[in-house]
Structure formats: structure tokens, C-alpha cells
N, C-alpha and C. Protein backbone atom coordinates (compact mmCIF):
# COMPACT_ATOMS: atom_id res chain seq x y z
N UNK A 1 -14.17 185.15 -100.21
CA UNK A 1 -14.83 184.29 -99.38
C UNK A 1 -15.72 183.61 -100.48
N UNK A 2 -16.55 184.10 -101.31
CA UNK A 2 -17.88 183.11 -102.17
C UNK A 2 -17.34 182.51 -102.95
N UNK A 3 -16.00 182.74 -103.70
CA UNK A 3 -14.60 181.89 -104.05
C UNK A 3 -14.48 180.22 -103.27
N UNK A 4 -14.16 180.72 -102.25
CA UNK A 4 -13.96 179.64 -101.00
C UNK A 4 -15.28 178.52 -100.81
N UNK A 5 -16.10 179.61 -100.25
CA UNK A 5 -17.47 179.01 -99.93
C UNK A 5 -17.84 178.05 -101.34
N UNK A 6 -17.72 178.72 -102.24
CA UNK A 6 -18.35 177.59 -103.71
C UNK A 6 -17.22 176.46 -104.13
N UNK A 7 -16.06 176.42 -103.31
CA UNK A 7 -15.76 175.03 -103.52
C UNK A 7 -15.85 174.31 -102.24
N UNK A 8 -16.60 174.58 -101.54
CA UNK A 8 -17.09 174.11 -99.99
C UNK A 8 -16.13 173.94 -98.86
N UNK A 9 -15.67 174.89 -99.19
CA UNK A 9 -14.62 175.28 -97.78
C UNK A 9 -15.53 175.86 -97.09
N UNK A 10 -15.46 175.57 -95.46
CA UNK A 10 -16.25 176.42 -94.71
C UNK A 10 -15.55 177.53 -93.74
N UNK A 11 -16.21 178.56 -94.22
CA UNK A 11 -15.49 180.08 -94.07
C UNK A 11 -16.49 180.76 -93.04
N UNK A 12 -16.06 181.01 -91.98
CA UNK A 12 -16.88 181.74 -90.87
C UNK A 12 -16.86 182.99 -91.70
N UNK A 13 -18.12 183.65 -90.92
CA UNK A 13 -18.23 185.08 -91.09
C UNK A 13 -17.30 185.69 -90.60
N UNK A 14 -16.96 186.86 -91.61
CA UNK A 14 -15.89 188.03 -91.20
C UNK A 14 -16.90 188.72 -89.89
N UNK A 15 -15.35 188.82 -89.61
CA UNK A 15 -15.53 189.87 -87.98
C UNK A 15 -14.65 191.11 -88.38
N UNK A 16 -15.41 192.21 -87.43
CA UNK A 16 -14.65 193.42 -87.87
C UNK A 16 -14.12 193.73 -86.96
N UNK A 17 -12.87 194.66 -86.95
CA UNK A 17 -12.25 194.49 -85.68
C UNK A 17 -11.32 195.81 -86.55
N UNK A 18 -10.10 196.51 -85.59
CA UNK A 18 -9.60 197.46 -85.54
C UNK A 18 -8.12 197.67 -85.34
N UNK A 19 -7.06 198.10 -85.76
CA UNK A 19 -5.77 198.01 -85.09
C UNK A 19 -4.96 199.66 -85.12
N UNK A 20 -4.21 199.95 -84.15
CA UNK A 20 -3.44 201.07 -84.25
C UNK A 20 -2.26 200.86 -84.95
N UNK A 21 -2.53 202.12 -85.99
CA UNK A 21 -1.61 201.94 -87.13
C UNK A 21 -0.34 202.83 -86.67
N UNK A 22 0.66 201.93 -86.18
CA UNK A 22 2.09 202.79 -85.52
C UNK A 22 2.60 203.83 -86.55
N UNK A 23 2.34 204.06 -88.03
CA UNK A 23 2.89 204.70 -88.55
C UNK A 23 2.27 206.21 -88.32
N UNK A 24 0.52 206.19 -88.31
CA UNK A 24 0.16 207.76 -87.77
C UNK A 24 -0.74 207.57 -86.55
N UNK A 25 -0.64 206.39 -86.11
CA UNK A 25 -1.26 206.64 -84.33
C UNK A 25 -2.55 206.67 -84.80
N UNK A 26 -3.07 206.31 -85.77
CA UNK A 26 -4.73 206.12 -86.16
C UNK A 26 -5.36 204.77 -86.14
N UNK A 27 -7.04 204.78 -86.40
CA UNK A 27 -6.97 203.23 -86.59
C UNK A 27 -7.15 203.03 -87.51
N UNK A 28 -6.81 201.70 -88.02
CA UNK A 28 -7.40 201.09 -89.26
C UNK A 28 -8.32 199.81 -89.15
N UNK A 29 -9.19 199.73 -89.69
CA UNK A 29 -10.08 198.50 -89.64
C UNK A 29 -9.59 197.26 -90.64
N UNK A 30 -10.15 196.42 -90.27
CA UNK A 30 -9.98 195.20 -90.66
C UNK A 30 -10.89 194.06 -90.67
N UNK A 31 -10.83 193.15 -91.70
CA UNK A 31 -11.84 192.08 -91.15
C UNK A 31 -11.24 190.87 -91.50
N UNK A 32 -11.36 189.48 -90.26
CA UNK A 32 -10.82 188.35 -90.74
C UNK A 32 -12.23 187.23 -90.51
N UNK A 33 -11.85 186.19 -91.04
CA UNK A 33 -12.87 185.19 -91.23
C UNK A 33 -11.71 183.81 -90.84
N UNK A 34 -12.54 182.94 -90.05
CA UNK A 34 -11.69 182.03 -89.70
C UNK A 34 -12.16 180.63 -91.02
N UNK A 35 -11.21 179.52 -90.71
CA UNK A 35 -11.13 178.78 -92.00
C UNK A 35 -10.35 177.51 -90.95
N UNK A 36 -11.29 176.56 -91.02
CA UNK A 36 -11.15 175.28 -89.86
C UNK A 36 -9.98 174.36 -90.22
N UNK A 37 -9.13 173.79 -89.63
CA UNK A 37 -8.25 172.84 -90.20
C UNK A 37 -8.56 171.67 -91.06
N UNK A 38 -9.99 171.40 -90.74
CA UNK A 38 -10.38 170.39 -91.52
C UNK A 38 -10.32 170.73 -93.07
N UNK A 39 -10.34 171.96 -93.30
CA UNK A 39 -10.56 172.51 -94.75
C UNK A 39 -8.92 173.02 -95.42
N UNK A 40 -7.68 172.71 -94.32
CA UNK A 40 -6.65 172.87 -95.16
C UNK A 40 -5.90 171.98 -94.20
N UNK A 41 -5.89 171.06 -94.28
CA UNK A 41 -5.18 170.00 -93.97
C UNK A 41 -3.77 170.16 -92.69
N UNK A 42 -5.33 170.19 -91.62
CA UNK A 42 -4.33 170.38 -90.03
C UNK A 42 -3.98 171.83 -89.67
N UNK A 43 -4.00 172.97 -90.54
CA UNK A 43 -3.64 174.44 -89.65
C UNK A 43 -4.93 174.76 -90.00
N UNK A 44 -5.29 175.66 -88.27
CA UNK A 44 -6.04 176.58 -88.51
C UNK A 44 -5.71 177.95 -89.12
N UNK A 45 -6.72 178.60 -90.04
CA UNK A 45 -6.50 180.25 -90.55
C UNK A 45 -7.40 180.98 -90.88
N UNK A 46 -6.96 182.13 -90.67
CA UNK A 46 -7.75 182.94 -91.05
C UNK A 46 -7.23 184.44 -92.05
N UNK A 47 -8.42 184.58 -93.04
CA UNK A 47 -7.98 185.47 -94.18
C UNK A 47 -8.28 186.90 -93.39
N UNK A 48 -7.71 187.76 -93.69
CA UNK A 48 -7.76 188.92 -93.29
C UNK A 48 -7.69 190.13 -94.75
N UNK A 49 -8.35 190.96 -94.63
CA UNK A 49 -8.64 192.09 -95.20
C UNK A 49 -8.37 193.39 -94.67
N UNK A 50 -7.59 194.60 -94.91
CA UNK A 50 -7.90 195.96 -94.49
C UNK A 50 -8.13 196.80 -95.01
N UNK A 51 -8.84 197.39 -94.27
CA UNK A 51 -9.44 198.71 -94.85
C UNK A 51 -8.37 199.50 -96.14
N UNK A 52 -7.39 199.96 -95.75
CA UNK A 52 -6.21 200.35 -96.37
C UNK A 52 -5.35 199.79 -97.05
N UNK A 53 -4.54 199.82 -97.75
CA UNK A 53 -3.18 198.95 -97.93
C UNK A 53 -2.35 198.87 -96.65
N UNK A 54 -2.15 197.01 -96.49
CA UNK A 54 -1.39 196.96 -95.23
C UNK A 54 0.02 197.30 -95.56
N UNK A 55 0.48 197.73 -94.63
CA UNK A 55 2.25 198.19 -94.85
C UNK A 55 2.67 197.32 -93.34
N UNK A 56 3.61 196.34 -93.10
CA UNK A 56 4.09 195.53 -92.15
C UNK A 56 4.89 196.58 -91.11
N UNK A 57 4.66 196.76 -90.10
CA UNK A 57 5.47 197.56 -89.18
C UNK A 57 6.66 196.99 -88.60
N UNK A 58 7.54 197.60 -89.25
CA UNK A 58 9.25 196.81 -88.79
C UNK A 58 9.51 197.30 -87.44
N UNK A 59 9.70 195.60 -87.23
CA UNK A 59 9.67 195.67 -85.35
C UNK A 59 11.11 195.77 -84.88
N UNK A 60 12.06 195.48 -86.19
CA UNK A 60 13.56 195.89 -86.05
C UNK A 60 14.30 194.20 -86.02
N UNK A 61 14.95 193.88 -86.46
CA UNK A 61 16.03 192.92 -86.72
C UNK A 61 16.06 192.52 -85.28
N UNK A 62 16.35 193.17 -84.39
CA UNK A 62 16.90 192.42 -82.68
C UNK A 62 18.22 192.10 -82.77
N UNK A 63 18.45 191.51 -82.03
CA UNK A 63 19.72 190.96 -81.79
C UNK A 63 20.10 189.48 -82.59
N UNK A 64 18.81 189.06 -82.74
CA UNK A 64 19.21 187.93 -83.90
C UNK A 64 19.06 188.40 -85.34
N UNK A 65 19.46 189.45 -85.62
CA UNK A 65 19.19 189.81 -87.17
C UNK A 65 17.88 189.28 -87.34
N UNK A 66 16.73 188.97 -87.27
CA UNK A 66 15.57 188.48 -88.29
C UNK A 66 15.57 188.80 -89.64
N UNK A 67 15.16 188.41 -90.50
CA UNK A 67 15.09 189.30 -91.63
C UNK A 67 13.43 189.00 -92.14
N UNK A 68 13.02 187.72 -91.80
CA UNK A 68 11.44 187.27 -91.91
C UNK A 68 11.09 186.26 -91.77
N UNK A 69 9.74 186.25 -91.54
CA UNK A 69 9.26 184.88 -91.37
C UNK A 69 9.59 183.81 -93.05
N UNK A 70 10.35 183.06 -92.76
CA UNK A 70 10.72 182.10 -93.72
C UNK A 70 9.79 180.96 -94.48
N UNK A 71 9.22 180.52 -93.53
CA UNK A 71 7.98 179.56 -93.71
C UNK A 71 7.19 178.72 -92.62
N UNK A 72 6.25 177.89 -92.61
CA UNK A 72 5.47 177.16 -91.61
C UNK A 72 5.63 175.93 -92.06
N UNK A 73 6.16 174.76 -90.99
CA UNK A 73 5.86 173.40 -91.66
C UNK A 73 4.92 172.91 -90.89
N UNK A 74 4.19 172.34 -92.12
CA UNK A 74 2.70 171.28 -91.50
C UNK A 74 3.13 169.80 -91.54
N UNK A 75 2.64 169.08 -90.59
CA UNK A 75 2.82 167.86 -90.56
C UNK A 75 1.50 167.27 -91.62
N UNK A 76 1.63 166.20 -91.86
CA UNK A 76 0.33 165.33 -92.65
C UNK A 76 0.62 163.99 -92.71
N UNK A 77 -0.41 163.16 -92.71
CA UNK A 77 -0.39 161.82 -93.16
C UNK A 77 -0.26 161.41 -94.55
N UNK A 78 -0.60 162.21 -95.44
CA UNK A 78 -0.80 162.04 -96.93
C UNK A 78 -0.55 163.09 -97.62
N UNK A 79 0.77 163.32 -97.99
CA UNK A 79 1.25 164.29 -98.49
C UNK A 79 0.42 165.03 -100.12
N UNK A 80 0.12 163.84 -100.55
CA UNK A 80 -0.45 164.06 -102.12
C UNK A 80 -2.29 164.70 -101.72
N UNK A 81 -3.02 164.45 -100.77
CA UNK A 81 -4.04 164.76 -100.25
C UNK A 81 -3.91 166.12 -99.57
N UNK A 82 -2.77 166.14 -98.76
CA UNK A 82 -2.86 167.58 -98.03
C UNK A 82 -2.93 168.86 -99.17
N UNK A 83 -1.50 168.36 -99.99
CA UNK A 83 -1.22 169.27 -101.31
C UNK A 83 -2.33 169.75 -102.11
N UNK A 84 -3.50 168.67 -102.29
CA UNK A 84 -4.77 168.63 -103.28
C UNK A 84 -5.69 169.59 -102.45
N UNK A 85 -5.91 169.49 -101.12
CA UNK A 85 -6.72 170.33 -100.30
C UNK A 85 -6.28 171.61 -100.46
N UNK A 86 -5.06 171.73 -100.19
CA UNK A 86 -4.40 173.56 -100.20
C UNK A 86 -4.74 173.84 -100.99
N UNK A 87 -4.47 173.17 -102.22
CA UNK A 87 -5.02 174.06 -103.94
C UNK A 87 -6.24 173.95 -104.09
N UNK A 88 -7.22 173.05 -103.79
CA UNK A 88 -8.48 173.19 -104.48
C UNK A 88 -9.35 174.10 -103.27
N UNK A 89 -9.00 174.29 -102.10
CA UNK A 89 -9.58 174.97 -100.88
C UNK A 89 -9.04 176.49 -100.80
N UNK A 90 -7.62 176.94 -101.33
CA UNK A 90 -7.39 178.04 -101.24
C UNK A 90 -6.61 178.52 -102.51
N UNK A 91 -6.18 177.98 -103.11
CA UNK A 91 -5.91 177.77 -104.51
C UNK A 91 -3.77 178.26 -104.32
N UNK A 92 -3.71 177.62 -103.23
CA UNK A 92 -1.68 177.09 -103.14
C UNK A 92 -1.35 175.97 -103.86
N UNK A 93 -0.91 176.29 -104.94
CA UNK A 93 -0.34 175.23 -105.56
C UNK A 93 1.66 175.08 -105.51
N UNK A 94 1.81 173.83 -105.37
CA UNK A 94 3.24 173.42 -104.94
C UNK A 94 4.14 173.78 -106.21
N UNK A 95 5.49 174.58 -105.85
CA UNK A 95 6.25 174.78 -106.78
C UNK A 95 7.56 174.20 -106.71
N UNK A 96 7.40 173.39 -105.49
CA UNK A 96 8.51 172.51 -105.64
C UNK A 96 8.37 171.42 -104.46
N UNK A 97 8.92 170.02 -104.72
CA UNK A 97 8.59 169.30 -104.04
C UNK A 97 10.18 168.29 -103.81
N UNK A 98 10.18 167.53 -102.54
CA UNK A 98 11.59 166.61 -102.71
C UNK A 98 11.09 165.40 -101.85
N UNK A 99 11.60 164.37 -102.87
CA UNK A 99 11.34 163.20 -102.06
C UNK A 99 12.40 162.69 -101.09
N UNK A 100 12.28 162.20 -100.00
CA UNK A 100 13.21 161.58 -99.01
C UNK A 100 14.51 162.88 -99.01
N UNK A 101 14.23 163.95 -98.74
CA UNK A 101 15.59 164.91 -98.72
C UNK A 101 16.55 164.54 -97.59
N UNK A 102 17.85 164.73 -98.15
CA UNK A 102 19.00 164.32 -97.47
C UNK A 102 18.38 162.85 -96.44
N UNK A 103 18.24 161.72 -97.06
CA UNK A 103 17.42 160.60 -96.36
C UNK A 103 17.02 160.85 -95.03
N UNK A 104 16.20 161.76 -95.30
CA UNK A 104 15.55 162.39 -93.95
C UNK A 104 14.27 161.41 -93.17
N UNK A 105 14.00 160.48 -94.50
CA UNK A 105 12.68 159.88 -93.71
C UNK A 105 11.33 160.65 -94.22
N UNK A 106 11.45 161.39 -94.40
CA UNK A 106 10.24 162.31 -95.09
C UNK A 106 10.22 162.91 -96.41
N UNK A 107 8.81 163.19 -97.22
CA UNK A 107 9.07 163.68 -98.40
C UNK A 107 8.10 164.82 -98.09
N UNK A 108 8.36 166.11 -98.85
CA UNK A 108 7.71 167.63 -98.42
C UNK A 108 7.39 168.38 -99.65
N UNK A 109 6.43 169.35 -99.92
CA UNK A 109 6.15 169.76 -100.80
C UNK A 109 6.16 171.67 -100.45
N UNK A 110 6.38 172.36 -101.21
CA UNK A 110 6.18 173.35 -101.02
C UNK A 110 5.37 174.57 -101.69
N UNK A 111 4.65 175.28 -100.89
CA UNK A 111 3.38 175.96 -101.24
C UNK A 111 3.44 177.45 -101.16
N UNK A 112 4.28 178.43 -102.05
CA UNK A 112 4.54 179.75 -101.89
C UNK A 112 3.16 180.55 -101.38
N UNK A 113 3.41 181.46 -100.63
CA UNK A 113 2.46 182.58 -100.25
C UNK A 113 3.50 183.96 -99.52
N UNK A 114 3.26 184.81 -101.03
CA UNK A 114 3.64 185.84 -101.08
C UNK A 114 5.58 185.52 -101.22
N UNK A 115 6.36 186.35 -100.04
CA UNK A 115 8.12 185.91 -100.13
C UNK A 115 8.05 184.74 -99.02
N UNK A 116 6.85 183.89 -98.49
CA UNK A 116 7.53 182.99 -97.32
C UNK A 116 6.59 181.69 -98.17
N UNK A 117 6.28 180.61 -97.88
CA UNK A 117 5.98 179.51 -98.23
C UNK A 117 5.56 178.45 -96.90
N UNK A 118 4.48 177.67 -97.15
CA UNK A 118 3.99 176.53 -96.43
C UNK A 118 4.66 175.29 -96.65
N UNK A 119 5.35 174.49 -95.92
CA UNK A 119 5.98 173.54 -96.06
C UNK A 119 5.53 172.25 -95.74
N UNK A 120 4.62 171.48 -96.74
CA UNK A 120 4.27 170.15 -95.89
C UNK A 120 4.96 169.10 -96.06
N UNK A 121 4.96 168.47 -94.81
CA UNK A 121 5.85 167.29 -94.86
C UNK A 121 5.13 166.34 -94.30
N UNK A 122 5.09 165.14 -94.79
CA UNK A 122 4.89 163.45 -94.62
C UNK A 122 5.83 162.28 -94.38
N UNK A 123 5.92 161.83 -93.29
CA UNK A 123 6.74 161.13 -93.09
C UNK A 123 6.47 160.01 -93.80
N UNK A 124 7.82 159.17 -94.22
CA UNK A 124 7.66 157.58 -95.26
C UNK A 124 8.31 156.59 -94.75
N UNK A 125 9.29 157.01 -93.58
CA UNK A 125 9.72 155.56 -93.02
C UNK A 125 9.35 155.87 -91.30
N UNK A 126 10.05 154.72 -90.65
CA UNK A 126 9.17 154.70 -89.11
C UNK A 126 10.80 154.92 -88.69
N UNK A 127 11.31 155.66 -88.51
CA UNK A 127 12.59 156.02 -87.38
C UNK A 127 12.45 157.69 -88.07
N UNK A 128 13.39 158.12 -87.01
CA UNK A 128 14.37 159.68 -87.20
C UNK A 128 13.02 160.18 -86.54
N UNK A 129 14.21 161.55 -86.31
CA UNK A 129 13.53 162.55 -85.04
C UNK A 129 12.32 163.24 -85.76
N UNK A 130 12.22 163.45 -87.16
CA UNK A 130 10.42 163.62 -87.76
C UNK A 130 9.33 162.54 -87.36
N UNK A 131 9.60 161.80 -87.71
CA UNK A 131 8.58 160.52 -87.45
C UNK A 131 8.06 160.39 -85.98
N UNK A 132 9.21 160.18 -84.97
CA UNK A 132 8.84 160.45 -83.35
C UNK A 132 7.97 161.52 -83.18
N UNK A 133 8.33 162.95 -83.39
CA UNK A 133 7.57 163.98 -83.14
C UNK A 133 6.31 163.88 -83.46
N UNK A 134 5.96 163.39 -85.04
CA UNK A 134 5.01 163.18 -85.85
C UNK A 134 4.08 162.07 -85.12
N UNK A 135 4.35 160.86 -84.12
CA UNK A 135 3.77 160.28 -83.67
C UNK A 135 3.36 160.83 -82.47
N UNK A 136 3.98 161.58 -81.65
CA UNK A 136 3.41 162.38 -80.51
C UNK A 136 2.68 163.34 -80.54
N UNK A 137 2.79 164.19 -81.63
CA UNK A 137 1.88 165.44 -81.63
C UNK A 137 0.86 165.27 -83.29
N UNK A 138 1.17 164.05 -84.05
CA UNK A 138 0.26 163.95 -85.38
C UNK A 138 0.29 165.24 -86.34
N UNK A 139 -0.85 165.10 -87.00
CA UNK A 139 -0.74 166.19 -87.91
C UNK A 139 -1.43 167.76 -87.31
N UNK A 140 -1.04 168.98 -88.49
CA UNK A 140 -0.89 169.96 -87.49
C UNK A 140 0.34 170.86 -87.71
N UNK A 141 0.17 172.03 -87.42
CA UNK A 141 1.35 172.79 -87.14
C UNK A 141 2.85 172.14 -86.62
N UNK A 142 3.79 171.91 -87.47
CA UNK A 142 4.79 171.18 -86.83
C UNK A 142 5.89 172.57 -86.22
N UNK A 143 6.15 173.45 -87.44
CA UNK A 143 7.24 174.36 -86.63
C UNK A 143 7.52 175.89 -87.31
N UNK A 144 7.89 176.98 -86.86
CA UNK A 144 7.73 177.67 -87.91
C UNK A 144 9.33 177.89 -87.78
N UNK A 145 9.65 178.50 -89.31
CA UNK A 145 10.91 178.76 -89.57
C UNK A 145 11.35 180.17 -89.90
N UNK A 146 12.51 181.07 -89.08
CA UNK A 146 12.68 182.00 -89.36
C UNK A 146 13.73 182.44 -89.86
N UNK A 147 14.22 183.02 -91.00
CA UNK A 147 15.23 183.56 -91.60
C UNK A 147 16.27 184.64 -90.56
N UNK A 148 17.63 184.18 -90.68
CA UNK A 148 18.57 185.22 -89.78
C UNK A 148 19.45 185.59 -90.72
N UNK A 149 20.12 186.51 -90.54
CA UNK A 149 21.16 187.08 -91.48
C UNK A 149 22.28 186.10 -90.96
N UNK A 150 22.79 185.97 -90.07
CA UNK A 150 23.97 185.07 -89.87
C UNK A 150 23.77 183.98 -88.57
N UNK A 151 23.49 182.47 -89.40
CA UNK A 151 23.12 181.58 -88.42
C UNK A 151 23.93 181.00 -87.32
N UNK A 152 25.30 181.12 -87.31
CA UNK A 152 26.50 180.90 -86.08
C UNK A 152 26.32 182.35 -85.29
N UNK A 153 26.12 183.42 -85.48
CA UNK A 153 26.32 184.46 -84.89
C UNK A 153 24.70 184.48 -83.68
N UNK A 154 23.41 183.82 -84.30
CA UNK A 154 22.27 183.75 -83.48
C UNK A 154 22.35 182.65 -82.69
N UNK A 155 23.08 181.38 -82.86
CA UNK A 155 23.06 180.41 -82.23
C UNK A 155 23.77 180.86 -81.12
N UNK A 156 25.13 181.50 -81.24
CA UNK A 156 26.25 182.20 -80.28
C UNK A 156 25.26 182.99 -78.93
N UNK A 157 24.54 183.75 -79.81
CA UNK A 157 23.74 184.71 -78.69
C UNK A 157 22.86 184.19 -78.40
N UNK A 158 21.92 183.00 -78.53
CA UNK A 158 20.89 182.31 -77.80
C UNK A 158 21.45 181.26 -76.61
N UNK A 159 22.28 180.98 -77.16
CA UNK A 159 23.54 179.80 -76.28
C UNK A 159 23.89 180.88 -75.30
N UNK A 160 24.70 181.90 -75.56
CA UNK A 160 24.77 182.96 -74.18
C UNK A 160 23.88 183.40 -73.53
N UNK A 161 22.74 183.21 -73.79
CA UNK A 161 21.45 183.50 -72.94
C UNK A 161 20.73 182.28 -71.90
N UNK A 162 21.62 180.97 -72.37
CA UNK A 162 21.27 179.85 -71.73
C UNK A 162 19.95 179.08 -72.44
N UNK A 163 19.69 179.69 -73.52
CA UNK A 163 18.69 179.17 -74.74
C UNK A 163 19.55 178.07 -74.99
N UNK A 164 18.50 176.63 -75.16
CA UNK A 164 19.03 175.33 -76.17
C UNK A 164 18.62 175.22 -77.53
N UNK A 165 19.58 175.49 -78.35
CA UNK A 165 19.80 175.42 -79.86
C UNK A 165 20.49 174.23 -80.18
N UNK A 166 20.08 173.52 -81.25
CA UNK A 166 20.63 172.93 -81.51
C UNK A 166 22.06 172.89 -82.60
N UNK A 167 23.22 172.29 -82.91
CA UNK A 167 24.13 172.82 -83.83
C UNK A 167 23.67 172.99 -85.57
N UNK A 168 24.31 174.12 -86.06
CA UNK A 168 23.51 174.06 -87.45
C UNK A 168 23.79 173.20 -88.27
N UNK A 169 23.02 172.70 -88.87
CA UNK A 169 23.57 171.69 -90.10
C UNK A 169 22.94 172.31 -91.34
N UNK A 170 22.76 171.13 -92.09
CA UNK A 170 22.20 171.71 -93.66
C UNK A 170 20.62 171.53 -93.54
N UNK A 171 20.03 172.42 -94.32
CA UNK A 171 18.42 172.89 -94.42
C UNK A 171 18.48 171.21 -95.58
N UNK A 172 17.16 171.10 -95.80
CA UNK A 172 16.43 170.24 -96.65
C UNK A 172 16.61 171.30 -98.23
N UNK A 173 16.55 172.28 -98.09
CA UNK A 173 16.48 173.09 -99.30
C UNK A 173 17.77 173.73 -99.52
N UNK A 174 18.20 173.36 -100.92
CA UNK A 174 19.86 173.86 -101.39
C UNK A 174 20.23 175.02 -101.04
N UNK A 175 21.59 174.60 -100.02
CA UNK A 175 22.56 176.20 -99.92
C UNK A 175 21.73 176.74 -98.26
N UNK A 176 20.91 176.31 -97.74
CA UNK A 176 20.38 176.70 -96.66
C UNK A 176 21.08 175.97 -95.79
N UNK A 177 21.19 176.47 -94.77
CA UNK A 177 21.74 176.24 -93.19
C UNK A 177 20.46 176.33 -91.95
N UNK A 178 20.52 175.38 -91.29
CA UNK A 178 19.24 175.74 -89.96
C UNK A 178 19.74 175.29 -88.63
N UNK A 179 19.00 175.68 -87.33
CA UNK A 179 19.68 175.53 -86.06
C UNK A 179 18.11 175.68 -85.70
N UNK A 180 18.01 174.50 -84.78
CA UNK A 180 16.55 174.54 -83.80
C UNK A 180 16.50 174.88 -82.16
N UNK A 181 15.47 175.84 -82.16
CA UNK A 181 15.83 176.20 -80.68
C UNK A 181 14.55 175.41 -79.93
N UNK A 182 15.13 174.63 -78.97
CA UNK A 182 14.27 173.76 -78.13
C UNK A 182 12.94 174.22 -77.89
N UNK A 183 12.18 173.79 -77.71
CA UNK A 183 10.56 174.49 -77.37
C UNK A 183 10.46 174.98 -76.18
N UNK A 184 11.28 174.53 -75.43
CA UNK A 184 11.04 174.76 -73.53
C UNK A 184 11.10 176.03 -73.72
N UNK A 185 11.95 176.50 -74.90
CA UNK A 185 12.21 178.09 -74.28
C UNK A 185 11.56 179.13 -75.68
N UNK A 186 10.61 178.63 -76.01
CA UNK A 186 9.23 178.95 -77.02
C UNK A 186 7.91 179.02 -76.85
N UNK A 187 7.30 178.59 -75.60
CA UNK A 187 5.99 178.70 -75.28
C UNK A 187 5.46 177.24 -75.75
N UNK A 188 6.33 176.13 -76.11
CA UNK A 188 6.28 174.97 -77.04
C UNK A 188 6.00 175.19 -78.67
N UNK A 189 6.44 176.23 -79.33
CA UNK A 189 6.25 175.90 -80.41
C UNK A 189 7.55 176.03 -80.53
N UNK A 190 7.75 174.91 -81.74
CA UNK A 190 9.06 174.42 -82.28
C UNK A 190 9.36 175.88 -82.78
N UNK A 191 10.58 176.00 -83.24
CA UNK A 191 11.24 177.30 -84.14
C UNK A 191 12.36 176.84 -84.64
N UNK A 192 12.80 176.74 -86.14
CA UNK A 192 14.10 176.85 -86.24
C UNK A 192 14.27 177.97 -87.08
N UNK A 193 15.72 178.71 -86.93
CA UNK A 193 16.51 179.57 -87.18
C UNK A 193 17.11 179.28 -89.12
N UNK A 194 16.85 179.58 -89.82
CA UNK A 194 17.65 179.16 -91.35
C UNK A 194 18.12 180.51 -91.70
N UNK A 195 19.22 180.12 -92.45
CA UNK A 195 20.21 181.04 -93.28
C UNK A 195 20.01 181.00 -94.66
N UNK A 196 19.87 181.36 -95.35
CA UNK A 196 19.88 181.58 -96.89
C UNK A 196 21.17 182.09 -97.67
N UNK A 197 21.49 181.25 -98.43
CA UNK A 197 22.62 181.48 -99.08
C UNK A 197 22.56 182.91 -99.79
């Protein structure tokens, strides 16, 4: 936190909490501190530190055969400024960027975090699905992307349960395919399913 505050990032004082560790049914302590969306180009964040090493609980792959959280998509008015803000304030550096991927009317930068990443996206044409949604919702969280083992199987399962899902299509990231779950079925959060090669 000292490093962040030294860079001018407004970080709230840490709050101490505890959770039940399912592996041995004991309580584990952790601290979290809030960072406002003003310092992270449109997305409220929490920093978390656990008293002991964190071991993710495996909730199981479920019927969709979910592998992991793949990435979080954040819409921005100014990709260059947003990228600078995330790097200056949190030290996250882009490892890839795409200009007008697949003629989609936007440009994008990818900021890795562990085995996932943040995807910053800026509209550059006043047309298309992304531009229309950006006009309605503005900057901030745009959608969450989860990786599945078999995209076609996941889409068929959801449709079999009455969930509206788009047809699978090529992703902007090479070799990947995705489908979007209608936000009416996800409590208003846009979720896309992605299958990597």
C-alpha cells in the first residue's frame, strides 16, 4: 500500500476479516483495501492479503466445464490514458494490443494478472455492438470472460436450460472462440464464454 500511496493512488485503510478455509474448516484471516475507480480507469478494486498462502477452493467444473476466469473487459474513452493509469497506479503493463481487431470498431490492450488478464477496450468507430453498449453504459466493467473446455457443448447446455446465448464466433484473440450469455440470465452482468486453442 505504501508503494501505491507513494504514487498518489487513493487506497482506503485495510479492513481485517476472516473466511472459513474449506480444506480444514478453520478460519483464515485476511485484509482488504479498497481502490476507487478514479485510480484504475473505471473499475473499483480491492487489494487482498491472506494470513497464510492462499489456495483457491475448487468449486468443480460444473456442467459448463469451466476451466478458469479468463479475463475481465473494461471499457474506456481513452485506451492510452487508461493503460498509463493502470501501469502507473498498479504496476500492470500491457503485453499485447490490437488495433481494430477483426474490423470490430475498437482497439484493445491486454494487462496480465497471473494466468488471467484485464482487457481495456476503447471504441474508435461510431457503429457496431460495442459502440452502442459503450454509449449506454459508459466507462467501467464491460464483461467477464470465463474459459470453458468445449464452447459448443456449453452453448448447447445453456440453451437446453432456456438461457439466451449467442452463436459461437471468432474471438479477437488468435485461435479462440466465444459466445455471449444474455445479461438477462446473469443478473445484469455481461458474461462471455471463451474456448482457447
